[in-house]
């Protein structure tokens, strides 16, 4: 009977550990997706800023000297 209780306790501990790990992994994945979303937002902002740049053509640069 003691062996049954011992194995049940080990199984319960393993189950608690597995559930805890799954919750921790879910939080880490959530953080990762949040950071990827922010990276996409920053990439859009960067693309907008690059679109606002008006480079001077060499012919225009010579005329301004």
PDB file of N, CA and C in Angstrom:
ATOM      1  N   UNK A   1       0.816  -1.195   0.000  1.00  0.00           N
ATOM      2  CA  UNK A   1       0.000   0.000   0.000  1.00  0.00           C
ATOM      3  C   UNK A   1       0.861   1.261   0.000  1.00  0.00           C
ATOM      4  N   UNK A   2       1.985   1.186   0.681  1.00  0.00           N
ATOM      5  CA  UNK A   2       2.881   2.340   0.729  1.00  0.00           C
ATOM      6  C   UNK A   2       3.413   2.654  -0.677  1.00  0.00           C
ATOM      7  N   UNK A   3       3.678   1.603  -1.463  1.00  0.00           N
ATOM      8  CA  UNK A   3       4.203   1.809  -2.810  1.00  0.00           C
ATOM      9  C   UNK A   3       3.182   2.510  -3.699  1.00  0.00           C
ATOM     10  N   UNK A   4       1.938   2.183  -3.518  1.00  0.00           N
ATOM     11  CA  UNK A   4       0.875   2.827  -4.304  1.00  0.00           C
ATOM     12  C   UNK A   4       0.822   4.314  -3.982  1.00  0.00           C
ATOM     13  N   UNK A   5       0.886   4.652  -2.700  1.00  0.00           N
ATOM     14  CA  UNK A   5       0.875   6.064  -2.303  1.00  0.00           C
ATOM     15  C   UNK A   5       2.123   6.784  -2.803  1.00  0.00           C
ATOM     16  N   UNK A   6       3.262   6.113  -2.769  1.00  0.00           N
ATOM     17  CA  UNK A   6       4.506   6.711  -3.251  1.00  0.00           C
ATOM     18  C   UNK A   6       4.414   7.009  -4.742  1.00  0.00           C
ATOM     19  N   UNK A   7       3.959   6.036  -5.522  1.00  0.00           N
ATOM     20  CA  UNK A   7       3.834   6.257  -6.962  1.00  0.00           C
ATOM     21  C   UNK A   7       2.768   7.308  -7.281  1.00  0.00           C
ATOM     22  N   UNK A   8       1.696   7.341  -6.515  1.00  0.00           N
ATOM     23  CA  UNK A   8       0.662   8.362  -6.712  1.00  0.00           C
ATOM     24  C   UNK A   8       1.230   9.755  -6.410  1.00  0.00           C
ATOM     25  N   UNK A   9       2.035   9.863  -5.369  1.00  0.00           N
ATOM     26  CA  UNK A   9       2.652  11.150  -5.031  1.00  0.00           C
ATOM     27  C   UNK A   9       3.627  11.585  -6.120  1.00  0.00           C
ATOM     28  N   UNK A  10       4.415  10.643  -6.644  1.00  0.00           N
ATOM     29  CA  UNK A  10       5.351  10.965  -7.722  1.00  0.00           C
ATOM     30  C   UNK A  10       4.582  11.400  -8.974  1.00  0.00           C
ATOM     31  N   UNK A  11       3.505  10.687  -9.294  1.00  0.00           N
ATOM     32  CA  UNK A  11       2.686  11.047 -10.462  1.00  0.00           C
ATOM     33  C   UNK A  11       2.050  12.420 -10.282  1.00  0.00           C
ATOM     34  N   UNK A  12       1.570  12.708  -9.084  1.00  0.00           N
ATOM     35  CA  UNK A  12       0.971  14.013  -8.808  1.00  0.00           C
ATOM     36  C   UNK A  12       2.017  15.118  -8.932  1.00  0.00           C
ATOM     37  N   UNK A  13       3.201  14.874  -8.404  1.00  0.00           N
ATOM     38  CA  UNK A  13       4.285  15.854  -8.531  1.00  0.00           C
ATOM     39  C   UNK A  13       4.662  16.090  -9.994  1.00  0.00           C
ATOM     40  N   UNK A  14       4.710  15.018 -10.775  1.00  0.00           N
ATOM     41  CA  UNK A  14       5.012  15.154 -12.202  1.00  0.00           C
ATOM     42  C   UNK A  14       3.932  15.920 -12.934  1.00  0.00           C
ATOM     43  N   UNK A  15       2.684  15.671 -12.581  1.00  0.00           N
ATOM     44  CA  UNK A  15       1.569  16.386 -13.201  1.00  0.00           C
ATOM     45  C   UNK A  15       1.616  17.872 -12.872  1.00  0.00           C
ATOM     46  N   UNK A  16       1.884  18.185 -11.625  1.00  0.00           N
ATOM     47  CA  UNK A  16       2.000  19.591 -11.216  1.00  0.00           C
ATOM     48  C   UNK A  16       3.168  20.259 -11.936  1.00  0.00           C
ATOM     49  N   UNK A  17       4.284  19.558 -12.071  1.00  0.00           N
ATOM     50  CA  UNK A  17       5.438  20.100 -12.771  1.00  0.00           C
ATOM     51  C   UNK A  17       5.115  20.340 -14.248  1.00  0.00           C
ATOM     52  N   UNK A  18       4.433  19.381 -14.883  1.00  0.00           N
ATOM     53  CA  UNK A  18       4.083  19.529 -16.292  1.00  0.00           C
ATOM     54  C   UNK A  18       3.126  20.699 -16.510  1.00  0.00           C
ATOM     55  N   UNK A  19       2.147  20.853 -15.628  1.00  0.00           N
ATOM     56  CA  UNK A  19       1.206  21.969 -15.747  1.00  0.00           C
ATOM     57  C   UNK A  19       1.923  23.301 -15.522  1.00  0.00           C
ATOM     58  N   UNK A  20       2.802  23.346 -14.546  1.00  0.00           N
ATOM     59  CA  UNK A  20       3.557  24.575 -14.282  1.00  0.00           C
ATOM     60  C   UNK A  20       4.425  24.953 -15.474  1.00  0.00           C
ATOM     61  N   UNK A  21       5.064  23.957 -16.070  1.00  0.00           N
ATOM     62  CA  UNK A  21       5.908  24.208 -17.240  1.00  0.00           C
ATOM     63  C   UNK A  21       5.053  24.701 -18.407  1.00  0.00           C
ATOM     64  N   UNK A  22       3.873  24.126 -18.597  1.00  0.00           N
ATOM     65  CA  UNK A  22       2.994  24.548 -19.689  1.00  0.00           C
ATOM     66  C   UNK A  22       2.544  25.991 -19.504  1.00  0.00           C
ATOM     67  N   UNK A  23       2.225  26.384 -18.284  1.00  0.00           N
ATOM     68  CA  UNK A  23       1.827  27.770 -18.011  1.00  0.00           C
ATOM     69  C   UNK A  23       3.000  28.704 -18.259  1.00  0.00           C
ATOM     70  N   UNK A  24       4.190  28.338 -17.798  1.00  0.00           N
ATOM     71  CA  UNK A  24       5.385  29.158 -18.017  1.00  0.00           C
ATOM     72  C   UNK A  24       5.664  29.305 -19.507  1.00  0.00           C
ATOM     73  N   UNK A  25       5.547  28.211 -20.247  1.00  0.00           N
ATOM     74  CA  UNK A  25       5.792  28.238 -21.689  1.00  0.00           C
ATOM     75  C   UNK A  25       4.759  29.094 -22.397  1.00  0.00           C
ATOM     76  N   UNK A  26       3.507  29.050 -21.955  1.00  0.00           N
ATOM     77  CA  UNK A  26       2.458  29.881 -22.545  1.00  0.00           C
ATOM     78  C   UNK A  26       2.770  31.360 -22.353  1.00  0.00           C
ATOM     79  N   UNK A  27       3.245  31.719 -21.162  1.00  0.00           N
ATOM     80  CA  UNK A  27       3.600  33.115 -20.895  1.00  0.00           C
ATOM     81  C   UNK A  27       4.774  33.557 -21.766  1.00  0.00           C
ATOM     82  N   UNK A  28       5.762  32.703 -21.913  1.00  0.00           N
ATOM     83  CA  UNK A  28       6.919  33.043 -22.746  1.00  0.00           C
ATOM     84  C   UNK A  28       6.501  33.206 -24.201  1.00  0.00           C
ATOM     85  N   UNK A  29       5.629  32.327 -24.700  1.00  0.00           N
ATOM     86  CA  UNK A  29       5.154  32.430 -26.077  1.00  0.00           C
ATOM     87  C   UNK A  29       4.342  33.712 -26.264  1.00  0.00           C
ATOM     88  N   UNK A  30       3.545  34.051 -25.276  1.00  0.00           N
ATOM     89  CA  UNK A  30       2.763  35.284 -25.332  1.00  0.00           C
ATOM     90  C   UNK A  30       3.681  36.504 -25.396  1.00  0.00           C
ATOM     91  N   UNK A  31       4.729  36.505 -24.593  1.00  0.00           N
ATOM     92  CA  UNK A  31       5.708  37.595 -24.628  1.00  0.00           C
ATOM     93  C   UNK A  31       6.394  37.667 -25.984  1.00  0.00           C
ATOM     94  N   UNK A  32       6.737  36.522 -26.542  1.00  0.00           N
ATOM     95  CA  UNK A  32       7.392  36.486 -27.845  1.00  0.00           C
ATOM     96  C   UNK A  32       6.490  37.061 -28.927  1.00  0.00           C
ATOM     97  N   UNK A  33       5.219  36.672 -28.940  1.00  0.00           N
ATOM     98  CA  UNK A  33       4.297  37.191 -29.950  1.00  0.00           C
ATOM     99  C   UNK A  33       4.077  38.685 -29.769  1.00  0.00           C
ATOM    100  N   UNK A  34       4.071  39.151 -28.537  1.00  0.00           N
ATOM    101  CA  UNK A  34       3.942  40.577 -28.285  1.00  0.00           C
ATOM    102  C   UNK A  34       5.149  41.334 -28.844  1.00  0.00           C
ATOM    103  N   UNK A  35       6.330  40.806 -28.636  1.00  0.00           N
ATOM    104  CA  UNK A  35       7.538  41.446 -29.164  1.00  0.00           C
ATOM    105  C   UNK A  35       7.562  41.413 -30.689  1.00  0.00           C
ATOM    106  N   UNK A  36       7.096  40.329 -31.289  1.00  0.00           N
ATOM    107  CA  UNK A  36       7.041  40.257 -32.748  1.00  0.00           C
ATOM    108  C   UNK A  36       6.043  41.269 -33.306  1.00  0.00           C
ATOM    109  N   UNK A  37       4.947  41.461 -32.614  1.00  0.00           N
ATOM    110  CA  UNK A  37       3.973  42.466 -33.039  1.00  0.00           C
ATOM    111  C   UNK A  37       4.584  43.861 -32.960  1.00  0.00           C
ATOM    112  N   UNK A  38       5.329  44.135 -31.892  1.00  0.00           N
ATOM    113  CA  UNK A  38       5.984  45.434 -31.758  1.00  0.00           C
ATOM    114  C   UNK A  38       7.039  45.617 -32.839  1.00  0.00           C
ATOM    115  N   UNK A  39       7.761  44.546 -33.172  1.00  0.00           N
ATOM    116  CA  UNK A  39       8.750  44.615 -34.243  1.00  0.00           C
ATOM    117  C   UNK A  39       8.085  44.959 -35.568  1.00  0.00           C
ATOM    118  N   UNK A  40       6.921  44.386 -35.837  1.00  0.00           N
ATOM    119  CA  UNK A  40       6.182  44.715 -37.054  1.00  0.00           C
ATOM    120  C   UNK A  40       5.753  46.173 -37.077  1.00  0.00           C
ATOM    121  N   UNK A  41       5.320  46.682 -35.922  1.00  0.00           N
ATOM    122  CA  UNK A  41       4.933  48.092 -35.824  1.00  0.00           C
ATOM    123  C   UNK A  41       6.120  48.994 -36.096  1.00  0.00           C
ATOM    124  N   UNK A  42       7.256  48.649 -35.504  1.00  0.00           N
ATOM    125  CA  UNK A  42       8.465  49.457 -35.724  1.00  0.00           C
ATOM    126  C   UNK A  42       8.924  49.389 -37.183  1.00  0.00           C
ATOM    127  N   UNK A  43       8.774  48.240 -37.821  1.00  0.00           N
ATOM    128  CA  UNK A  43       9.146  48.110 -39.226  1.00  0.00           C
ATOM    129  C   UNK A  43       8.249  48.980 -40.100  1.00  0.00           C
ATOM    130  N   UNK A  44       6.964  49.038 -39.784  1.00  0.00           N
ATOM    131  CA  UNK A  44       6.052  49.917 -40.527  1.00  0.00           C
ATOM    132  C   UNK A  44       6.437  51.382 -40.339  1.00  0.00           C
ATOM    133  N   UNK A  45       6.769  51.770 -39.121  1.00  0.00           N
ATOM    134  CA  UNK A  45       7.191  53.153 -38.860  1.00  0.00           C
ATOM    135  C   UNK A  45       8.474  53.470 -39.620  1.00  0.00           C
ATOM    136  N   UNK A  46       9.395  52.520 -39.644  1.00  0.00           N
ATOM    137  CA  UNK A  46      10.657  52.717 -40.352  1.00  0.00           C
ATOM    138  C   UNK A  46      10.409  52.855 -41.846  1.00  0.00           C
ATOM    139  N   UNK A  47       9.513  52.030 -42.395  1.00  0.00           N
ATOM    140  CA  UNK A  47       9.187  52.117 -43.815  1.00  0.00           C
ATOM    141  C   UNK A  47       8.542  53.457 -44.142  1.00  0.00           C
ATOM    142  N   UNK A  48       7.694  53.965 -43.241  1.00  0.00           N
ATOM    143  CA  UNK A  48       7.084  55.278 -43.443  1.00  0.00           C
ATOM    144  C   UNK A  48       8.141  56.369 -43.456  1.00  0.00           C
ATOM    145  N   UNK A  49       9.082  56.299 -42.532  1.00  0.00           N
ATOM    146  CA  UNK A  49      10.148  57.295 -42.493  1.00  0.00           C
ATOM    147  C   UNK A  49      11.028  57.218 -43.741  1.00  0.00           C
ATOM    148  N   UNK A  50      11.331  56.008 -44.188  1.00  0.00           N
ATOM    149  CA  UNK A  50      12.130  55.868 -45.402  1.00  0.00           C
ATOM    150  C   UNK A  50      11.377  56.408 -46.614  1.00  0.00           C
ATOM    151  N   UNK A  51      10.067  56.273 -46.627  1.00  0.00           N
ATOM    152  CA  UNK A  51       9.262  56.790 -47.728  1.00  0.00           C
ATOM    153  C   UNK A  51       9.238  58.308 -47.770  1.00  0.00           C
ATOM    154  N   UNK A  52       9.528  58.955 -46.666  1.00  0.00           N
ATOM    155  CA  UNK A  52       9.523  60.421 -46.613  1.00  0.00           C
ATOM    156  C   UNK A  52      10.840  61.030 -47.064  1.00  0.00           C
ATOM    157  N   UNK A  53      11.855  60.213 -47.218  1.00  0.00           N
ATOM    158  CA  UNK A  53      13.164  60.730 -47.627  1.00  0.00           C
ATOM    159  C   UNK A  53      13.115  61.086 -49.106  1.00  0.00           C
ATOM    160  N   UNK A  54      13.578  62.275 -49.430  1.00  0.00           N
ATOM    161  CA  UNK A  54      13.638  62.742 -50.808  1.00  0.00           C
ATOM    162  C   UNK A  54      15.118  62.960 -51.163  1.00  0.00           C
ATOM    163  N   UNK A  55      15.754  61.947 -51.759  1.00  0.00           N
ATOM    164  CA  UNK A  55      17.177  62.108 -52.070  1.00  0.00           C
ATOM    165  C   UNK A  55      17.383  63.115 -53.195  1.00  0.00           C
ATOM    166  N   UNK A  56      18.487  63.843 -53.111  1.00  0.00           N
ATOM    167  CA  UNK A  56      18.829  64.820 -54.149  1.00  0.00           C
ATOM    168  C   UNK A  56      19.523  64.091 -55.282  1.00  0.00           C
ATOM    169  N   UNK A  57      19.065  64.335 -56.506  1.00  0.00           N
ATOM    170  CA  UNK A  57      19.686  63.728 -57.669  1.00  0.00           C
ATOM    171  C   UNK A  57      20.989  64.461 -57.988  1.00  0.00           C
ATOM    172  N   UNK A  58      21.958  63.795 -58.601  1.00  0.00           N
ATOM    173  CA  UNK A  58      23.246  64.456 -58.889  1.00  0.00           C
ATOM    174  C   UNK A  58      23.093  65.723 -59.732  1.00  0.00           C
ATOM    175  N   UNK A  59      22.174  65.785 -60.674  1.00  0.00           N
ATOM    176  CA  UNK A  59      21.993  66.979 -61.505  1.00  0.00           C
ATOM    177  C   UNK A  59      21.489  68.135 -60.669  1.00  0.00           C
ATOM    178  N   UNK A  60      20.619  67.859 -59.718  1.00  0.00           N
ATOM    179  CA  UNK A  60      20.115  68.912 -58.841  1.00  0.00           C
ATOM    180  C   UNK A  60      21.199  69.408 -57.906  1.00  0.00           C
ATOM    181  N   UNK A  61      22.069  68.524 -57.481  1.00  0.00           N
ATOM    182  CA  UNK A  61      23.137  68.902 -56.543  1.00  0.00           C
ATOM    183  C   UNK A  61      24.144  69.817 -57.234  1.00  0.00           C
ATOM    184  N   UNK A  62      24.443  69.566 -58.503  1.00  0.00           N
ATOM    185  CA  UNK A  62      25.399  70.415 -59.228  1.00  0.00           C
ATOM    186  C   UNK A  62      24.858  71.799 -59.466  1.00  0.00           C
ATOM    187  N   UNK A  63      23.572  71.915 -59.691  1.00  0.00           N
ATOM    188  CA  UNK A  63      22.949  73.207 -59.945  1.00  0.00           C
ATOM    189  C   UNK A  63      22.895  74.080 -58.704  1.00  0.00           C
ATOM    190  N   UNK A  64      22.941  73.474 -57.550  1.00  0.00           N
ATOM    191  CA  UNK A  64      22.844  74.276 -56.329  1.00  0.00           C
ATOM    192  C   UNK A  64      24.187  74.812 -55.873  1.00  0.00           C
ATOM    193  N   UNK A  65      25.269  74.374 -56.491  1.00  0.00           N
ATOM    194  CA  UNK A  65      26.584  74.882 -56.090  1.00  0.00           C
ATOM    195  C   UNK A  65      26.803  76.201 -56.653  1.00  0.00           C
TER     196      UNK A  65
END
